Amino acid sequence: MGETLIRFDFHTHSMLSDGELLPAELARRYSCKGYQAVAVADHVDSSNVDAVVPAVVKAADLWNGAPETDVKLLPGAEITHVPPSRIASLVAKARQLGARMVVVHGETINEPVMPGTNRAGIEAGADILAHPGLISEEDAVLAAEKGVFLEITSRAGHCLTNGHVAGVARRVGASLVISSDCHAPGDIPGPLQTARVGLGAGLTPTELSEINKTMAQVAAEFV
């Protein structure tokens, strides 16, 4: 039996925030890599959410409505470096504006994210807590209870705590996704490389297979 392939990426960025590609070009490049669905979760806070999310939604609608496309583009948002007390209202606002995949920028050890961000993102019911760093077991338990995915990432710097995230998730039964946090063409891993990021975090082939099935189900629900 061959290695598991992860054909979904729920955390990428376009030119609508700090990425290098238009949403359509991002989707096309993921299509060429063999993916089935990709979410554009551009960075937002209170200053730009009203402009960015509708633009991402429009891009996704135009892409998905074309008969030639073979990868689904999911409109999303990443709530980024927002004070914890304001995260819940921004998650709700992003959903109101049409975001189908709401990500909260977690407490990565690679950036000075405010303490309490992980807990606030989980309590707000975000879909994904991105690169949650040295997440506590207590917060991971809450993520499991609320159905918030914890992210294993291929992004340099953010990936340094992948092993910790995978281990905590396994102990408490929290669900995982594997994403790229792509900002540029060179950040797009192939489906095999994405799976190997999971293996590098200590996940088993069986766990990888379950993650791929779960991500496929989520993509089908969100399109």
N, C-alpha and C. Protein backbone atom coordinates (compact mmCIF):
# COMPACT_ATOMS: atom_id res chain seq x y z
N MET A 1 0.85 -1.20 0.00
CA MET A 1 0.00 0.00 0.00
C MET A 1 0.88 1.24 0.00
N GLY A 2 0.55 2.22 -0.85
CA GLY A 2 1.36 3.43 -0.94
C GLY A 2 1.12 4.36 0.24
N GLU A 3 1.91 5.42 0.27
CA GLU A 3 1.77 6.40 1.34
C GLU A 3 0.48 7.20 1.18
N THR A 4 -0.07 7.64 2.31
CA THR A 4 -1.26 8.47 2.30
C THR A 4 -0.94 9.82 1.65
N LEU A 5 -1.88 10.35 0.89
CA LEU A 5 -1.77 11.68 0.31
C LEU A 5 -2.81 12.58 0.96
N ILE A 6 -2.41 13.77 1.34
CA ILE A 6 -3.33 14.76 1.89
C ILE A 6 -3.65 15.75 0.78
N ARG A 7 -4.87 15.68 0.25
CA ARG A 7 -5.24 16.48 -0.93
C ARG A 7 -6.08 17.71 -0.59
N PHE A 8 -5.93 18.19 0.64
CA PHE A 8 -6.71 19.35 1.09
C PHE A 8 -5.79 20.29 1.86
N ASP A 9 -6.00 21.58 1.70
CA ASP A 9 -5.23 22.59 2.45
C ASP A 9 -6.21 23.67 2.87
N PHE A 10 -6.43 23.82 4.16
CA PHE A 10 -7.43 24.74 4.67
C PHE A 10 -6.85 26.05 5.19
N HIS A 11 -5.58 26.33 4.89
CA HIS A 11 -4.95 27.55 5.42
C HIS A 11 -3.94 28.09 4.42
N THR A 12 -4.39 29.00 3.55
CA THR A 12 -3.50 29.65 2.59
C THR A 12 -3.84 31.14 2.53
N HIS A 13 -2.96 31.91 1.90
CA HIS A 13 -3.13 33.36 1.80
C HIS A 13 -2.92 33.83 0.37
N SER A 14 -3.71 34.82 -0.03
CA SER A 14 -3.63 35.38 -1.37
C SER A 14 -3.17 36.83 -1.31
N MET A 15 -3.16 37.49 -2.47
CA MET A 15 -2.81 38.90 -2.54
C MET A 15 -3.80 39.79 -1.79
N LEU A 16 -4.93 39.23 -1.41
CA LEU A 16 -5.91 40.03 -0.67
C LEU A 16 -5.46 40.29 0.76
N SER A 17 -4.40 39.59 1.21
CA SER A 17 -3.72 39.98 2.45
C SER A 17 -2.23 40.03 2.15
N ASP A 18 -1.45 39.08 2.64
CA ASP A 18 0.00 39.18 2.44
C ASP A 18 0.56 38.05 1.59
N GLY A 19 -0.30 37.37 0.81
CA GLY A 19 0.19 36.35 -0.11
C GLY A 19 0.65 36.96 -1.43
N GLU A 20 1.21 36.14 -2.29
CA GLU A 20 1.77 36.62 -3.56
C GLU A 20 0.88 36.35 -4.76
N LEU A 21 -0.15 35.52 -4.61
CA LEU A 21 -0.95 35.09 -5.75
C LEU A 21 -2.40 35.53 -5.62
N LEU A 22 -3.04 35.78 -6.74
CA LEU A 22 -4.48 35.96 -6.76
C LEU A 22 -5.16 34.67 -6.32
N PRO A 23 -6.36 34.73 -5.75
CA PRO A 23 -7.04 33.50 -5.35
C PRO A 23 -7.16 32.50 -6.49
N ALA A 24 -7.48 32.96 -7.70
CA ALA A 24 -7.63 32.04 -8.82
C ALA A 24 -6.31 31.37 -9.17
N GLU A 25 -5.22 32.12 -9.13
CA GLU A 25 -3.93 31.51 -9.44
C GLU A 25 -3.52 30.53 -8.35
N LEU A 26 -3.84 30.88 -7.11
CA LEU A 26 -3.56 29.96 -6.00
C LEU A 26 -4.31 28.65 -6.22
N ALA A 27 -5.61 28.76 -6.57
CA ALA A 27 -6.40 27.55 -6.80
C ALA A 27 -5.84 26.74 -7.95
N ARG A 28 -5.44 27.40 -9.02
CA ARG A 28 -4.90 26.69 -10.18
C ARG A 28 -3.61 25.96 -9.83
N ARG A 29 -2.75 26.59 -9.07
CA ARG A 29 -1.50 25.92 -8.69
C ARG A 29 -1.76 24.71 -7.79
N TYR A 30 -2.75 24.83 -6.91
CA TYR A 30 -3.11 23.67 -6.09
C TYR A 30 -3.71 22.56 -6.94
N SER A 31 -4.47 22.94 -7.95
CA SER A 31 -5.02 21.95 -8.88
C SER A 31 -3.91 21.18 -9.57
N CYS A 32 -2.89 21.91 -10.01
CA CYS A 32 -1.77 21.26 -10.71
C CYS A 32 -0.97 20.35 -9.79
N LYS A 33 -1.04 20.60 -8.48
CA LYS A 33 -0.34 19.76 -7.51
C LYS A 33 -1.15 18.51 -7.13
N GLY A 34 -2.42 18.46 -7.57
CA GLY A 34 -3.23 17.29 -7.29
C GLY A 34 -4.14 17.40 -6.09
N TYR A 35 -4.41 18.63 -5.65
CA TYR A 35 -5.31 18.83 -4.52
C TYR A 35 -6.77 18.80 -4.98
N GLN A 36 -7.66 18.56 -4.02
CA GLN A 36 -9.10 18.56 -4.30
C GLN A 36 -9.81 19.80 -3.78
N ALA A 37 -9.27 20.44 -2.73
CA ALA A 37 -9.88 21.65 -2.19
C ALA A 37 -8.82 22.46 -1.47
N VAL A 38 -8.95 23.79 -1.57
CA VAL A 38 -8.03 24.70 -0.89
C VAL A 38 -8.84 25.87 -0.35
N ALA A 39 -8.54 26.27 0.88
CA ALA A 39 -9.22 27.41 1.48
C ALA A 39 -8.30 28.62 1.47
N VAL A 40 -8.83 29.75 1.03
CA VAL A 40 -8.11 31.03 1.13
C VAL A 40 -8.56 31.68 2.43
N ALA A 41 -7.67 31.72 3.40
CA ALA A 41 -7.98 32.28 4.72
C ALA A 41 -7.08 33.49 4.95
N ASP A 42 -7.42 34.58 4.27
CA ASP A 42 -6.56 35.76 4.35
C ASP A 42 -6.64 36.42 5.72
N HIS A 43 -5.53 37.07 6.09
CA HIS A 43 -5.43 37.72 7.40
C HIS A 43 -6.42 38.86 7.54
N VAL A 44 -7.16 38.85 8.65
CA VAL A 44 -8.10 39.94 8.92
C VAL A 44 -8.07 40.31 10.40
N ASP A 45 -8.37 41.59 10.63
CA ASP A 45 -8.73 42.08 11.95
C ASP A 45 -9.88 43.06 11.75
N SER A 46 -10.17 43.86 12.74
CA SER A 46 -11.32 44.76 12.61
C SER A 46 -11.14 45.80 11.51
N SER A 47 -9.89 46.08 11.14
CA SER A 47 -9.63 47.14 10.16
C SER A 47 -9.95 46.75 8.73
N ASN A 48 -9.91 45.45 8.41
CA ASN A 48 -10.04 45.05 7.01
C ASN A 48 -11.03 43.92 6.75
N VAL A 49 -11.66 43.39 7.78
CA VAL A 49 -12.52 42.23 7.58
C VAL A 49 -13.67 42.52 6.62
N ASP A 50 -14.20 43.73 6.65
CA ASP A 50 -15.34 44.07 5.79
C ASP A 50 -14.96 44.12 4.32
N ALA A 51 -13.69 44.34 4.02
CA ALA A 51 -13.24 44.39 2.64
C ALA A 51 -12.71 43.03 2.16
N VAL A 52 -11.94 42.37 3.01
CA VAL A 52 -11.23 41.16 2.57
C VAL A 52 -12.17 39.97 2.42
N VAL A 53 -13.01 39.70 3.40
CA VAL A 53 -13.83 38.49 3.33
C VAL A 53 -14.78 38.52 2.13
N PRO A 54 -15.51 39.60 1.87
CA PRO A 54 -16.36 39.60 0.67
C PRO A 54 -15.56 39.42 -0.63
N ALA A 55 -14.34 39.94 -0.68
CA ALA A 55 -13.52 39.76 -1.88
C ALA A 55 -13.12 38.31 -2.06
N VAL A 56 -12.78 37.63 -0.96
CA VAL A 56 -12.44 36.20 -1.03
C VAL A 56 -13.67 35.39 -1.43
N VAL A 57 -14.82 35.74 -0.88
CA VAL A 57 -16.07 35.03 -1.22
C VAL A 57 -16.37 35.19 -2.71
N LYS A 58 -16.22 36.40 -3.23
CA LYS A 58 -16.46 36.64 -4.65
C LYS A 58 -15.51 35.82 -5.51
N ALA A 59 -14.23 35.79 -5.12
CA ALA A 59 -13.25 35.02 -5.88
C ALA A 59 -13.59 33.54 -5.89
N ALA A 60 -14.02 33.03 -4.75
CA ALA A 60 -14.39 31.61 -4.66
C ALA A 60 -15.62 31.30 -5.50
N ASP A 61 -16.61 32.18 -5.44
CA ASP A 61 -17.83 31.95 -6.23
C ASP A 61 -17.51 31.93 -7.72
N LEU A 62 -16.69 32.85 -8.18
CA LEU A 62 -16.33 32.91 -9.60
C LEU A 62 -15.54 31.67 -10.02
N TRP A 63 -14.61 31.26 -9.17
CA TRP A 63 -13.79 30.09 -9.49
C TRP A 63 -14.64 28.82 -9.52
N ASN A 64 -15.40 28.60 -8.47
CA ASN A 64 -16.18 27.37 -8.37
C ASN A 64 -17.29 27.30 -9.41
N GLY A 65 -17.71 28.46 -9.91
CA GLY A 65 -18.78 28.47 -10.89
C GLY A 65 -18.33 28.20 -12.32
N ALA A 66 -17.02 28.13 -12.54
CA ALA A 66 -16.51 27.86 -13.88
C ALA A 66 -16.47 26.35 -14.13
N PRO A 67 -16.94 25.89 -15.28
CA PRO A 67 -17.02 24.44 -15.52
C PRO A 67 -15.65 23.76 -15.65
N GLU A 68 -14.60 24.53 -15.92
CA GLU A 68 -13.29 23.92 -16.15
C GLU A 68 -12.54 23.58 -14.86
N THR A 69 -12.98 24.10 -13.73
CA THR A 69 -12.21 23.95 -12.50
C THR A 69 -12.37 22.56 -11.89
N ASP A 70 -11.29 22.04 -11.35
CA ASP A 70 -11.33 20.70 -10.74
C ASP A 70 -10.83 20.69 -9.30
N VAL A 71 -10.61 21.86 -8.73
CA VAL A 71 -10.29 21.97 -7.31
C VAL A 71 -11.24 23.01 -6.73
N LYS A 72 -11.82 22.72 -5.57
CA LYS A 72 -12.75 23.64 -4.95
C LYS A 72 -12.00 24.69 -4.15
N LEU A 73 -12.45 25.94 -4.28
CA LEU A 73 -11.86 27.06 -3.55
C LEU A 73 -12.82 27.45 -2.43
N LEU A 74 -12.38 27.31 -1.19
CA LEU A 74 -13.22 27.60 -0.04
C LEU A 74 -12.90 29.00 0.49
N PRO A 75 -13.89 29.87 0.63
CA PRO A 75 -13.63 31.21 1.16
C PRO A 75 -13.49 31.19 2.68
N GLY A 76 -12.44 31.80 3.17
CA GLY A 76 -12.20 31.80 4.60
C GLY A 76 -11.60 33.09 5.09
N ALA A 77 -11.11 33.05 6.31
CA ALA A 77 -10.46 34.20 6.94
C ALA A 77 -9.60 33.69 8.08
N GLU A 78 -8.48 34.36 8.32
CA GLU A 78 -7.67 34.06 9.50
C GLU A 78 -7.65 35.28 10.40
N ILE A 79 -8.28 35.14 11.56
CA ILE A 79 -8.29 36.20 12.57
C ILE A 79 -6.88 36.27 13.15
N THR A 80 -6.20 37.40 12.94
CA THR A 80 -4.76 37.44 13.15
C THR A 80 -4.33 38.55 14.12
N HIS A 81 -3.60 38.18 15.16
CA HIS A 81 -3.05 39.13 16.14
C HIS A 81 -4.12 40.08 16.66
N VAL A 82 -5.26 39.51 17.00
CA VAL A 82 -6.37 40.28 17.55
C VAL A 82 -6.40 40.06 19.07
N PRO A 83 -6.62 41.10 19.87
CA PRO A 83 -6.73 40.89 21.32
C PRO A 83 -7.78 39.82 21.62
N PRO A 84 -7.47 38.91 22.53
CA PRO A 84 -8.38 37.80 22.80
C PRO A 84 -9.83 38.21 23.05
N SER A 85 -10.03 39.35 23.69
CA SER A 85 -11.40 39.78 24.00
C SER A 85 -12.21 40.12 22.76
N ARG A 86 -11.56 40.32 21.62
CA ARG A 86 -12.26 40.70 20.39
C ARG A 86 -12.36 39.55 19.38
N ILE A 87 -11.79 38.41 19.70
CA ILE A 87 -11.75 37.32 18.73
C ILE A 87 -13.14 36.79 18.42
N ALA A 88 -13.97 36.58 19.44
CA ALA A 88 -15.29 35.99 19.22
C ALA A 88 -16.13 36.85 18.28
N SER A 89 -16.10 38.16 18.47
CA SER A 89 -16.91 39.03 17.61
C SER A 89 -16.40 39.01 16.18
N LEU A 90 -15.08 38.88 15.99
CA LEU A 90 -14.54 38.83 14.64
C LEU A 90 -14.81 37.50 13.96
N VAL A 91 -14.79 36.41 14.71
CA VAL A 91 -15.17 35.12 14.14
C VAL A 91 -16.61 35.20 13.64
N ALA A 92 -17.49 35.76 14.46
CA ALA A 92 -18.89 35.90 14.07
C ALA A 92 -19.03 36.81 12.86
N LYS A 93 -18.27 37.90 12.82
CA LYS A 93 -18.34 38.84 11.71
C LYS A 93 -17.88 38.19 10.42
N ALA A 94 -16.78 37.44 10.48
CA ALA A 94 -16.26 36.77 9.28
C ALA A 94 -17.29 35.79 8.73
N ARG A 95 -17.96 35.05 9.61
CA ARG A 95 -18.99 34.11 9.15
C ARG A 95 -20.16 34.87 8.53
N GLN A 96 -20.56 35.98 9.16
CA GLN A 96 -21.66 36.79 8.64
C GLN A 96 -21.35 37.29 7.22
N LEU A 97 -20.08 37.59 6.96
CA LEU A 97 -19.67 38.10 5.66
C LEU A 97 -19.47 37.00 4.62
N GLY A 98 -19.59 35.74 5.04
CA GLY A 98 -19.53 34.64 4.08
C GLY A 98 -18.34 33.72 4.18
N ALA A 99 -17.47 33.91 5.17
CA ALA A 99 -16.33 33.00 5.33
C ALA A 99 -16.84 31.62 5.71
N ARG A 100 -16.40 30.61 4.99
CA ARG A 100 -16.80 29.23 5.25
C ARG A 100 -15.79 28.49 6.11
N MET A 101 -14.57 29.00 6.17
CA MET A 101 -13.50 28.37 6.95
C MET A 101 -12.84 29.46 7.78
N VAL A 102 -13.17 29.53 9.06
CA VAL A 102 -12.62 30.58 9.92
C VAL A 102 -11.49 30.01 10.76
N VAL A 103 -10.33 30.61 10.57
CA VAL A 103 -9.10 30.19 11.25
C VAL A 103 -8.72 31.28 12.24
N VAL A 104 -8.22 30.89 13.40
CA VAL A 104 -7.66 31.85 14.34
C VAL A 104 -6.16 31.60 14.43
N HIS A 105 -5.40 32.66 14.29
CA HIS A 105 -3.93 32.62 14.37
C HIS A 105 -3.53 32.31 15.80
N GLY A 106 -3.09 31.07 16.03
CA GLY A 106 -2.79 30.62 17.38
C GLY A 106 -1.47 31.12 17.93
N GLU A 107 -1.18 30.66 19.15
CA GLU A 107 -0.02 31.15 19.91
C GLU A 107 1.29 30.46 19.50
N THR A 108 1.62 30.57 18.22
CA THR A 108 2.88 30.05 17.74
C THR A 108 4.06 30.63 18.52
N ILE A 109 5.10 29.83 18.71
CA ILE A 109 6.29 30.34 19.40
C ILE A 109 7.10 31.23 18.48
N ASN A 110 6.69 31.34 17.21
CA ASN A 110 7.44 32.10 16.21
C ASN A 110 7.02 33.56 16.12
N GLU A 111 5.93 33.92 16.80
CA GLU A 111 5.43 35.30 16.77
C GLU A 111 4.89 35.66 18.15
N PRO A 112 4.91 36.96 18.49
CA PRO A 112 4.46 37.38 19.83
C PRO A 112 2.95 37.52 19.94
N VAL A 113 2.25 36.41 19.76
CA VAL A 113 0.80 36.43 19.88
C VAL A 113 0.40 36.59 21.36
N MET A 114 -0.66 37.35 21.59
CA MET A 114 -1.08 37.61 22.97
C MET A 114 -1.46 36.33 23.71
N PRO A 115 -1.03 36.17 24.95
CA PRO A 115 -1.48 35.03 25.75
C PRO A 115 -3.00 35.03 25.85
N GLY A 116 -3.57 33.85 25.80
CA GLY A 116 -5.01 33.73 25.85
C GLY A 116 -5.66 33.63 24.48
N THR A 117 -4.85 33.79 23.43
CA THR A 117 -5.40 33.72 22.07
C THR A 117 -5.91 32.32 21.76
N ASN A 118 -5.15 31.30 22.13
CA ASN A 118 -5.61 29.93 21.87
C ASN A 118 -6.97 29.68 22.50
N ARG A 119 -7.11 30.01 23.76
CA ARG A 119 -8.36 29.77 24.47
C ARG A 119 -9.51 30.58 23.84
N ALA A 120 -9.24 31.82 23.50
CA ALA A 120 -10.28 32.67 22.92
C ALA A 120 -10.74 32.14 21.56
N GLY A 121 -9.79 31.67 20.74
CA GLY A 121 -10.15 31.12 19.44
C GLY A 121 -11.01 29.88 19.55
N ILE A 122 -10.68 29.04 20.53
CA ILE A 122 -11.46 27.82 20.75
C ILE A 122 -12.85 28.16 21.28
N GLU A 123 -12.90 29.04 22.27
CA GLU A 123 -14.20 29.43 22.85
C GLU A 123 -15.09 30.09 21.80
N ALA A 124 -14.47 30.79 20.84
CA ALA A 124 -15.24 31.46 19.79
C ALA A 124 -15.80 30.48 18.76
N GLY A 125 -15.35 29.23 18.81
CA GLY A 125 -15.84 28.23 17.87
C GLY A 125 -15.27 28.37 16.48
N ALA A 126 -14.02 28.83 16.37
CA ALA A 126 -13.37 28.86 15.07
C ALA A 126 -13.29 27.44 14.52
N ASP A 127 -13.16 27.33 13.21
CA ASP A 127 -13.03 26.00 12.61
C ASP A 127 -11.66 25.41 12.90
N ILE A 128 -10.62 26.25 12.83
CA ILE A 128 -9.24 25.78 12.99
C ILE A 128 -8.49 26.74 13.89
N LEU A 129 -7.73 26.21 14.84
CA LEU A 129 -6.75 26.99 15.58
C LEU A 129 -5.41 26.72 14.94
N ALA A 130 -4.91 27.72 14.21
CA ALA A 130 -3.68 27.53 13.44
C ALA A 130 -2.45 27.56 14.34
N HIS A 131 -1.47 26.76 13.95
CA HIS A 131 -0.17 26.70 14.63
C HIS A 131 -0.27 27.14 16.10
N PRO A 132 -0.90 26.31 16.96
CA PRO A 132 -1.19 26.71 18.33
C PRO A 132 -0.02 26.62 19.29
N GLY A 133 1.19 26.40 18.77
CA GLY A 133 2.38 26.43 19.61
C GLY A 133 2.36 25.40 20.72
N LEU A 134 2.75 25.82 21.90
CA LEU A 134 2.79 24.91 23.05
C LEU A 134 1.43 24.92 23.75
N ILE A 135 0.41 24.55 23.01
CA ILE A 135 -0.95 24.57 23.53
C ILE A 135 -1.06 23.71 24.78
N SER A 136 -1.82 24.21 25.75
CA SER A 136 -1.99 23.46 26.99
C SER A 136 -2.95 22.30 26.77
N GLU A 137 -2.83 21.30 27.62
CA GLU A 137 -3.75 20.16 27.53
C GLU A 137 -5.17 20.61 27.83
N GLU A 138 -5.32 21.55 28.73
CA GLU A 138 -6.66 22.06 29.07
C GLU A 138 -7.32 22.69 27.84
N ASP A 139 -6.56 23.49 27.10
CA ASP A 139 -7.13 24.12 25.90
C ASP A 139 -7.41 23.08 24.82
N ALA A 140 -6.55 22.07 24.73
CA ALA A 140 -6.77 21.01 23.73
C ALA A 140 -8.03 20.21 24.06
N VAL A 141 -8.28 19.98 25.34
CA VAL A 141 -9.51 19.29 25.76
C VAL A 141 -10.73 20.10 25.32
N LEU A 142 -10.67 21.42 25.52
CA LEU A 142 -11.78 22.27 25.11
C LEU A 142 -11.97 22.24 23.59
N ALA A 143 -10.85 22.22 22.86
CA ALA A 143 -10.94 22.13 21.40
C ALA A 143 -11.64 20.84 20.98
N ALA A 144 -11.30 19.74 21.66
CA ALA A 144 -11.95 18.46 21.36
C ALA A 144 -13.45 18.53 21.64
N GLU A 145 -13.82 19.16 22.75
CA GLU A 145 -15.23 19.27 23.12
C GLU A 145 -16.02 20.13 22.14
N LYS A 146 -15.38 21.19 21.63
CA LYS A 146 -16.08 22.14 20.76
C LYS A 146 -15.90 21.84 19.27
N GLY A 147 -15.12 20.80 18.94
CA GLY A 147 -14.93 20.43 17.55
C GLY A 147 -14.04 21.38 16.77
N VAL A 148 -13.12 22.05 17.46
CA VAL A 148 -12.17 22.94 16.80
C VAL A 148 -10.93 22.14 16.42
N PHE A 149 -10.54 22.21 15.15
CA PHE A 149 -9.35 21.49 14.69
C PHE A 149 -8.08 22.20 15.14
N LEU A 150 -7.10 21.42 15.57
CA LEU A 150 -5.76 21.94 15.82
C LEU A 150 -4.91 21.68 14.58
N GLU A 151 -4.04 22.61 14.27
CA GLU A 151 -3.31 22.54 13.00
C GLU A 151 -1.88 22.04 13.16
N ILE A 152 -1.54 21.07 12.32
CA ILE A 152 -0.15 20.70 12.05
C ILE A 152 0.23 21.46 10.78
N THR A 153 1.36 22.14 10.80
CA THR A 153 1.68 23.05 9.70
C THR A 153 3.05 22.77 9.09
N SER A 154 3.15 23.04 7.80
CA SER A 154 4.45 22.94 7.13
C SER A 154 5.17 24.28 7.11
N ARG A 155 4.58 25.32 7.68
CA ARG A 155 5.16 26.66 7.65
C ARG A 155 6.40 26.74 8.54
N ALA A 156 7.49 27.26 7.97
CA ALA A 156 8.74 27.39 8.72
C ALA A 156 8.51 28.21 9.99
N GLY A 157 9.13 27.79 11.06
CA GLY A 157 8.97 28.47 12.34
C GLY A 157 7.75 27.98 13.08
N HIS A 158 6.59 28.09 12.48
CA HIS A 158 5.37 27.62 13.12
C HIS A 158 5.40 26.11 13.33
N CYS A 159 6.14 25.40 12.46
CA CYS A 159 6.16 23.93 12.51
C CYS A 159 6.98 23.38 13.66
N LEU A 160 7.70 24.23 14.38
CA LEU A 160 8.62 23.75 15.42
C LEU A 160 7.90 23.04 16.55
N THR A 161 6.63 23.31 16.73
CA THR A 161 5.88 22.65 17.82
C THR A 161 4.89 21.62 17.31
N ASN A 162 5.05 21.19 16.06
CA ASN A 162 4.12 20.18 15.50
C ASN A 162 4.05 18.93 16.35
N GLY A 163 5.20 18.47 16.82
CA GLY A 163 5.23 17.24 17.61
C GLY A 163 4.44 17.39 18.91
N HIS A 164 4.58 18.54 19.54
CA HIS A 164 3.82 18.80 20.77
C HIS A 164 2.32 18.81 20.48
N VAL A 165 1.92 19.51 19.41
CA VAL A 165 0.50 19.60 19.07
C VAL A 165 -0.08 18.22 18.78
N ALA A 166 0.65 17.43 18.00
CA ALA A 166 0.18 16.08 17.67
C ALA A 166 0.04 15.23 18.92
N GLY A 167 1.02 15.31 19.82
CA GLY A 167 0.98 14.51 21.03
C GLY A 167 -0.16 14.88 21.96
N VAL A 168 -0.37 16.18 22.15
CA VAL A 168 -1.47 16.63 23.01
C VAL A 168 -2.81 16.23 22.40
N ALA A 169 -2.94 16.43 21.09
CA ALA A 169 -4.20 16.08 20.42
C ALA A 169 -4.50 14.60 20.59
N ARG A 170 -3.50 13.76 20.45
CA ARG A 170 -3.71 12.32 20.60
C ARG A 170 -4.16 11.98 22.01
N ARG A 171 -3.55 12.61 23.02
CA ARG A 171 -3.89 12.29 24.41
C ARG A 171 -5.32 12.66 24.76
N VAL A 172 -5.83 13.76 24.20
CA VAL A 172 -7.15 14.24 24.62
C VAL A 172 -8.24 14.00 23.58
N GLY A 173 -7.85 13.46 22.43
CA GLY A 173 -8.85 13.18 21.40
C GLY A 173 -9.25 14.37 20.56
N ALA A 174 -8.38 15.38 20.47
CA ALA A 174 -8.67 16.54 19.62
C ALA A 174 -8.40 16.19 18.16
N SER A 175 -9.16 16.79 17.27
CA SER A 175 -9.00 16.53 15.83
C SER A 175 -7.93 17.44 15.23
N LEU A 176 -7.25 16.91 14.22
CA LEU A 176 -6.16 17.63 13.58
C LEU A 176 -6.43 17.85 12.10
N VAL A 177 -5.87 18.93 11.57
CA VAL A 177 -5.73 19.12 10.13
C VAL A 177 -4.26 19.39 9.86
N ILE A 178 -3.85 19.16 8.62
CA ILE A 178 -2.49 19.49 8.21
C ILE A 178 -2.60 20.53 7.10
N SER A 179 -1.96 21.68 7.30
CA SER A 179 -2.07 22.78 6.36
C SER A 179 -0.70 23.39 6.10
N SER A 180 -0.65 24.27 5.09
CA SER A 180 0.65 24.84 4.68
C SER A 180 0.89 26.25 5.17
N ASP A 181 -0.18 27.03 5.46
CA ASP A 181 -0.03 28.46 5.71
C ASP A 181 0.71 29.10 4.53
N CYS A 182 0.32 28.70 3.34
CA CYS A 182 0.99 29.14 2.12
C CYS A 182 0.84 30.65 1.91
N HIS A 183 1.97 31.30 1.57
CA HIS A 183 1.97 32.71 1.20
C HIS A 183 2.53 32.93 -0.21
N ALA A 184 3.24 31.96 -0.74
CA ALA A 184 3.94 32.12 -2.02
C ALA A 184 3.96 30.79 -2.76
N PRO A 185 4.21 30.80 -4.08
CA PRO A 185 4.21 29.54 -4.84
C PRO A 185 5.11 28.47 -4.24
N GLY A 186 6.26 28.87 -3.73
CA GLY A 186 7.19 27.90 -3.17
C GLY A 186 6.72 27.27 -1.87
N ASP A 187 5.64 27.82 -1.29
CA ASP A 187 5.11 27.28 -0.04
C ASP A 187 4.13 26.13 -0.26
N ILE A 188 3.77 25.86 -1.51
CA ILE A 188 2.74 24.86 -1.78
C ILE A 188 3.38 23.47 -1.81
N PRO A 189 3.14 22.64 -0.82
CA PRO A 189 3.68 21.29 -0.83
C PRO A 189 2.78 20.39 -1.67
N GLY A 190 3.32 19.32 -2.17
CA GLY A 190 2.46 18.34 -2.83
C GLY A 190 1.72 17.53 -1.78
N PRO A 191 0.69 16.79 -2.19
CA PRO A 191 -0.07 15.97 -1.25
C PRO A 191 0.80 14.97 -0.48
N LEU A 192 1.82 14.44 -1.12
CA LEU A 192 2.71 13.51 -0.43
C LEU A 192 3.55 14.23 0.62
N GLN A 193 4.07 15.41 0.26
CA GLN A 193 4.89 16.17 1.20
C GLN A 193 4.04 16.61 2.40
N THR A 194 2.80 16.99 2.16
CA THR A 194 1.92 17.36 3.27
C THR A 194 1.75 16.19 4.23
N ALA A 195 1.54 15.01 3.69
CA ALA A 195 1.41 13.82 4.54
C ALA A 195 2.69 13.57 5.32
N ARG A 196 3.82 13.79 4.69
CA ARG A 196 5.10 13.55 5.38
C ARG A 196 5.35 14.56 6.50
N VAL A 197 4.78 15.76 6.38
CA VAL A 197 4.82 16.70 7.50
C VAL A 197 4.11 16.08 8.70
N GLY A 198 3.00 15.42 8.44
CA GLY A 198 2.29 14.73 9.52
C GLY A 198 3.11 13.61 10.13
N LEU A 199 3.76 12.85 9.28
CA LEU A 199 4.62 11.77 9.79
C LEU A 199 5.76 12.34 10.63
N GLY A 200 6.30 13.48 10.18
CA GLY A 200 7.38 14.11 10.93
C GLY A 200 6.94 14.62 12.29
N ALA A 201 5.63 14.90 12.41
CA ALA A 201 5.09 15.33 13.70
C ALA A 201 4.80 14.16 14.62
N GLY A 202 5.01 12.94 14.12
CA GLY A 202 4.80 11.74 14.94
C GLY A 202 3.48 11.04 14.71
N LEU A 203 2.73 11.47 13.69
CA LEU A 203 1.47 10.80 13.40
C LEU A 203 1.72 9.46 12.71
N THR A 204 0.82 8.52 12.91
CA THR A 204 0.94 7.22 12.28
C THR A 204 0.25 7.24 10.92
N PRO A 205 0.58 6.29 10.04
CA PRO A 205 -0.14 6.22 8.76
C PRO A 205 -1.65 6.10 8.94
N THR A 206 -2.09 5.37 9.94
CA THR A 206 -3.52 5.25 10.20
C THR A 206 -4.12 6.60 10.58
N GLU A 207 -3.42 7.35 11.44
CA GLU A 207 -3.90 8.67 11.82
C GLU A 207 -3.94 9.60 10.62
N LEU A 208 -2.94 9.52 9.74
CA LEU A 208 -2.93 10.34 8.53
C LEU A 208 -4.13 10.02 7.65
N SER A 209 -4.42 8.75 7.50
CA SER A 209 -5.56 8.35 6.69
C SER A 209 -6.86 8.91 7.24
N GLU A 210 -7.00 8.89 8.56
CA GLU A 210 -8.21 9.43 9.19
C GLU A 210 -8.29 10.94 9.00
N ILE A 211 -7.15 11.63 9.09
CA ILE A 211 -7.13 13.09 8.88
C ILE A 211 -7.56 13.41 7.46
N ASN A 212 -7.06 12.64 6.49
CA ASN A 212 -7.43 12.89 5.09
C ASN A 212 -8.93 12.69 4.89
N LYS A 213 -9.49 11.63 5.49
CA LYS A 213 -10.93 11.38 5.37
C LYS A 213 -11.74 12.52 5.99
N THR A 214 -11.29 12.97 7.16
CA THR A 214 -12.00 14.05 7.83
C THR A 214 -11.95 15.34 7.03
N MET A 215 -10.77 15.65 6.47
CA MET A 215 -10.64 16.87 5.67
C MET A 215 -11.50 16.79 4.41
N ALA A 216 -11.61 15.60 3.84
CA ALA A 216 -12.47 15.42 2.67
C ALA A 216 -13.93 15.68 3.03
N GLN A 217 -14.35 15.18 4.18
CA GLN A 217 -15.73 15.39 4.64
C GLN A 217 -15.99 16.87 4.89
N VAL A 218 -15.04 17.54 5.52
CA VAL A 218 -15.19 18.96 5.81
C VAL A 218 -15.28 19.76 4.52
N ALA A 219 -14.42 19.46 3.57
CA ALA A 219 -14.44 20.17 2.28
C ALA A 219 -15.78 20.00 1.59
N ALA A 220 -16.32 18.79 1.64
CA ALA A 220 -17.61 18.53 0.99
C ALA A 220 -18.74 19.32 1.65
N GLU A 221 -18.66 19.48 2.98
CA GLU A 221 -19.69 20.22 3.69
C GLU A 221 -19.60 21.72 3.44
N PHE A 222 -18.39 22.22 3.22
CA PHE A 222 -18.18 23.66 3.15
C PHE A 222 -18.35 24.21 1.75
N VAL A 223 -18.37 23.36 0.73
CA VAL A 223 -18.51 23.86 -0.64
C VAL A 223 -19.97 24.25 -0.90
